[in-house]
Every structure is written in structure tokens, then in C-alpha cells.
Amino acid sequence: MKFSNHHIQSPLLDIANSCGVCHRWSEDEIRGRVESIQTRHFELKLKAEDALVKAHFDIAACRQLGATPDEVAPLQDLVWRSQLRWDYVSATNGMGFHSPQESARVLGTSLDLAHEVRVQASRLMAAKGLLKEPDYPDISTQEAALKLIVAFEDSAKDPSVAPPRLIP
């Protein structure tokens, strides 16, 4: 009778019962394979995340340059589709391990869509007179990112509050 440990914890905490029941490699080899897959997954996830963040800022910069809702609607659709894929992979909680090829495919699509937003947004920004990247705000810490989110939320709630400037 097979027994597999699927308690709500990392399977790496009990490799013999979580993985070793079916996989006959040594615990060290199993751990190495899992960590390698998860490292590659995390790196790809961060690349997609960076592109997504900049895509969101690029759309905001287009708005600050006077782009109309009709002009930014296609960008918003693309960024939504990219974000949905990033969210899906992030929510699976396996760090790419449960289906590494599919997770990589979905993250790759997220990255492609985010880059497409950035290309289209730069064309729109150029048409509005901005010929360089927006001034991306510092979000290198959780505190800085939260402060920026609050500033954008405050400006959305109250039209008298200016959003953070992304264009010079």
C-alpha cells in the first residue's frame, strides 16, 4: 500500500514519505532537483513581475501624458491578461514544482504580454511627446511600495490629490 505524506507543509521536510514513496532517488538528489526547479521558477517569476510592474507604471504615465481611455484600453486588457497569468502561477504555491513546464509556459506568456504592453505604451508615450522611459518610482522595499500604492489610491479617491508623477 502506498503512503504519501501530503500534510500542509513543504514536502522537503519529509522527503521519504512525500517523494520517496514513488521516486527512488536519494533524498539529496530529490532535494537538489526540487531546489533547482524552484530556483529557475523563482527567477522567471521575478522577471515577469518586474515587467508587469513597469507595464502598470507605463500605463499610468500614458494617462499622465493625456492618453484617452480609448487609447489605454488595449494596454489595460493586455496588462490584465499578463497579471492574471502571474497571479495564477503565484497562487499555485508549488514554486513551479508541481508542473514546472506548464508554470514556465504560463510565466513566459505573462512576460511576453507585459513586454507587449511596454512596447505599445512606449509608442503611445512617444506620440504624446515623451521620448524616454517614465521616471519609475522606488519600490525596492515593502515600505516604499506600500507608500506608493497608498499615494495612487488616494489620488484615485480624491481628484484634488495628484498621483505620483511618472513623467518629467
Protein backbone atom coordinates (compact mmCIF):
# COMPACT_ATOMS: atom_id res chain seq x y z
CA MET A 1 0.00 0.00 0.00
CA LYS A 2 1.38 3.40 -0.98
CA PHE A 3 1.55 6.10 1.63
CA SER A 4 2.32 9.66 0.74
CA ASN A 5 2.64 12.50 3.18
CA HIS A 6 0.68 15.50 1.94
CA HIS A 7 0.42 17.46 5.15
CA ILE A 8 0.25 21.21 4.77
CA GLN A 9 3.98 21.77 4.90
CA SER A 10 6.86 21.58 2.49
CA PRO A 11 7.28 18.03 1.18
CA LEU A 12 11.02 18.62 1.58
CA LEU A 13 10.53 18.36 5.34
CA ASP A 14 9.67 14.66 4.93
CA ILE A 15 11.14 13.54 1.62
CA ALA A 16 10.96 9.83 2.42
CA ASN A 17 7.16 9.87 2.85
CA SER A 18 6.31 12.73 0.48
CA CYS A 19 8.50 11.92 -2.51
CA GLY A 20 10.43 8.75 -1.78
CA VAL A 21 7.35 6.53 -1.95
CA CYS A 22 7.35 6.84 -5.74
CA HIS A 23 10.71 8.40 -6.62
CA ARG A 24 13.64 6.09 -5.98
CA TRP A 25 16.43 8.66 -6.00
CA SER A 26 18.31 9.54 -2.86
CA GLU A 27 16.91 12.28 -0.63
CA ASP A 28 19.84 14.52 -1.59
CA GLU A 29 19.12 14.07 -5.30
CA ILE A 30 15.40 14.72 -4.81
CA ARG A 31 16.16 17.85 -2.79
CA GLY A 32 18.61 19.05 -5.45
CA ARG A 33 16.11 18.51 -8.27
CA VAL A 34 13.34 20.31 -6.40
CA GLU A 35 15.57 23.24 -5.42
CA SER A 36 16.86 23.58 -8.99
CA ILE A 37 13.34 23.68 -10.42
CA GLN A 38 12.18 26.13 -7.78
CA THR A 39 15.18 28.43 -8.30
CA ARG A 40 14.57 28.63 -12.06
CA HIS A 41 10.85 29.18 -11.45
CA PHE A 42 11.51 31.98 -8.95
CA GLU A 43 13.92 33.74 -11.34
CA LEU A 44 11.36 33.63 -14.17
CA LYS A 45 8.61 34.80 -11.83
CA LEU A 46 10.74 37.81 -10.81
CA LYS A 47 11.39 38.71 -14.47
CA ALA A 48 7.66 38.62 -15.21
CA GLU A 49 6.95 40.59 -12.05
CA ASP A 50 9.42 43.33 -12.99
CA ALA A 51 7.95 43.63 -16.49
CA LEU A 52 4.43 43.74 -15.06
CA VAL A 53 5.26 46.47 -12.56
CA LYS A 54 6.82 48.61 -15.28
CA ALA A 55 3.87 47.91 -17.60
CA HIS A 56 1.47 49.22 -14.93
CA PHE A 57 3.62 52.34 -14.49
CA ASP A 58 3.83 52.80 -18.27
CA ILE A 59 0.04 52.82 -18.50
CA ALA A 60 -0.12 55.39 -15.67
CA ALA A 61 2.47 57.51 -17.50
CA CYS A 62 0.36 57.35 -20.68
CA ARG A 63 -2.58 58.67 -18.69
CA GLN A 64 -0.44 61.44 -17.20
CA LEU A 65 0.53 62.43 -20.74
CA GLY A 66 -3.13 62.83 -21.64
CA ALA A 67 -3.91 59.50 -23.29
CA THR A 68 -7.64 58.91 -23.57
CA PRO A 69 -9.45 55.94 -22.05
CA ASP A 70 -9.85 54.50 -25.56
CA GLU A 71 -6.10 54.79 -26.15
CA VAL A 72 -5.16 52.95 -22.95
CA ALA A 73 -7.93 50.33 -23.06
CA PRO A 74 -5.92 47.87 -25.20
CA LEU A 75 -2.96 48.27 -22.83
CA GLN A 76 -5.17 47.64 -19.82
CA ASP A 77 -6.51 44.47 -21.43
CA LEU A 78 -3.01 43.18 -22.12
CA VAL A 79 -1.74 44.01 -18.62
CA TRP A 80 -4.80 42.32 -17.10
CA ARG A 81 -4.09 39.15 -19.11
CA SER A 82 -0.42 39.25 -18.09
CA GLN A 83 -1.27 39.86 -14.43
CA LEU A 84 -3.81 37.04 -14.42
CA ARG A 85 -1.16 34.56 -15.54
CA TRP A 86 1.38 35.81 -12.99
CA ASP A 87 -1.27 35.62 -10.25
CA TYR A 88 -2.27 32.10 -11.28
CA VAL A 89 1.28 30.75 -11.11
CA SER A 90 2.00 32.62 -7.88
CA ALA A 91 -1.13 31.23 -6.24
CA THR A 92 -0.34 27.59 -7.03
CA ASN A 93 2.08 27.53 -4.09
CA GLY A 94 4.37 24.91 -5.59
CA MET A 95 7.10 27.31 -6.75
CA GLY A 96 6.80 25.69 -10.17
CA PHE A 97 7.40 22.19 -8.88
CA HIS A 98 4.01 20.57 -9.45
CA SER A 99 4.17 21.27 -13.17
CA PRO A 100 7.42 23.01 -14.00
CA GLN A 101 6.98 23.10 -17.76
CA GLU A 102 3.44 24.46 -17.56
CA SER A 103 4.40 27.01 -14.91
CA ALA A 104 7.28 28.19 -17.10
CA ARG A 105 4.98 28.39 -20.14
CA VAL A 106 2.39 30.45 -18.25
CA LEU A 107 5.03 32.77 -16.77
CA GLY A 108 6.63 33.13 -20.20
CA THR A 109 3.27 34.18 -21.62
CA SER A 110 2.86 36.64 -18.74
CA LEU A 111 6.28 38.08 -19.54
CA ASP A 112 5.51 38.31 -23.28
CA LEU A 113 2.21 40.11 -22.63
CA ALA A 114 3.83 42.55 -20.19
CA HIS A 115 6.54 43.33 -22.73
CA GLU A 116 3.88 43.89 -25.39
CA VAL A 117 2.20 46.41 -23.06
CA ARG A 118 5.53 48.17 -22.63
CA VAL A 119 6.17 48.33 -26.40
CA GLN A 120 2.69 49.68 -27.15
CA ALA A 121 2.84 52.10 -24.21
CA SER A 122 6.21 53.48 -25.37
CA ARG A 123 4.73 54.11 -28.82
CA LEU A 124 1.81 55.93 -27.22
CA MET A 125 4.11 57.92 -24.92
CA ALA A 126 6.25 58.88 -27.94
CA ALA A 127 3.13 60.02 -29.79
CA LYS A 128 2.33 62.19 -26.75
CA GLY A 129 5.85 63.67 -26.72
CA LEU A 130 7.74 61.54 -24.18
CA LEU A 131 10.79 60.05 -25.85
CA LYS A 132 12.33 58.33 -22.82
CA GLU A 133 11.25 55.95 -20.07
CA PRO A 134 8.99 57.32 -17.35
CA ASP A 135 10.57 58.10 -14.01
CA TYR A 136 9.88 54.80 -12.30
CA PRO A 137 9.44 55.26 -8.55
CA ASP A 138 11.49 53.41 -5.97
CA ILE A 139 9.73 50.24 -4.88
CA SER A 140 12.82 48.45 -3.64
CA THR A 141 11.37 47.92 -0.17
CA GLN A 142 7.95 46.86 1.03
CA GLU A 143 7.55 50.20 2.81
CA ALA A 144 8.36 52.21 -0.35
CA ALA A 145 5.96 50.11 -2.44
CA LEU A 146 3.16 50.46 0.11
CA LYS A 147 3.65 54.22 0.31
CA LEU A 148 3.38 54.44 -3.49
CA ILE A 149 0.26 52.26 -3.58
CA VAL A 150 -1.41 54.47 -0.97
CA ALA A 151 -0.47 57.61 -2.93
CA PHE A 152 -2.04 56.22 -6.12
CA GLU A 153 -5.14 55.04 -4.20
CA ASP A 154 -5.52 58.46 -2.54
CA SER A 155 -5.35 60.19 -5.94
CA ALA A 156 -7.97 57.80 -7.35
CA LYS A 157 -10.36 58.57 -4.47
CA ASP A 158 -9.83 62.33 -4.43
CA PRO A 159 -9.30 64.20 -7.72
CA SER A 160 -7.69 67.11 -5.85
CA VAL A 161 -4.80 64.79 -4.84
CA ALA A 162 -2.22 64.47 -7.60
CA PRO A 163 -0.90 60.97 -8.31
CA PRO A 164 2.84 60.41 -8.10
CA ARG A 165 4.49 61.92 -11.22
CA LEU A 166 5.97 59.41 -13.62
CA ILE A 167 6.86 61.85 -16.37
CA PRO A 168 9.40 64.69 -16.16
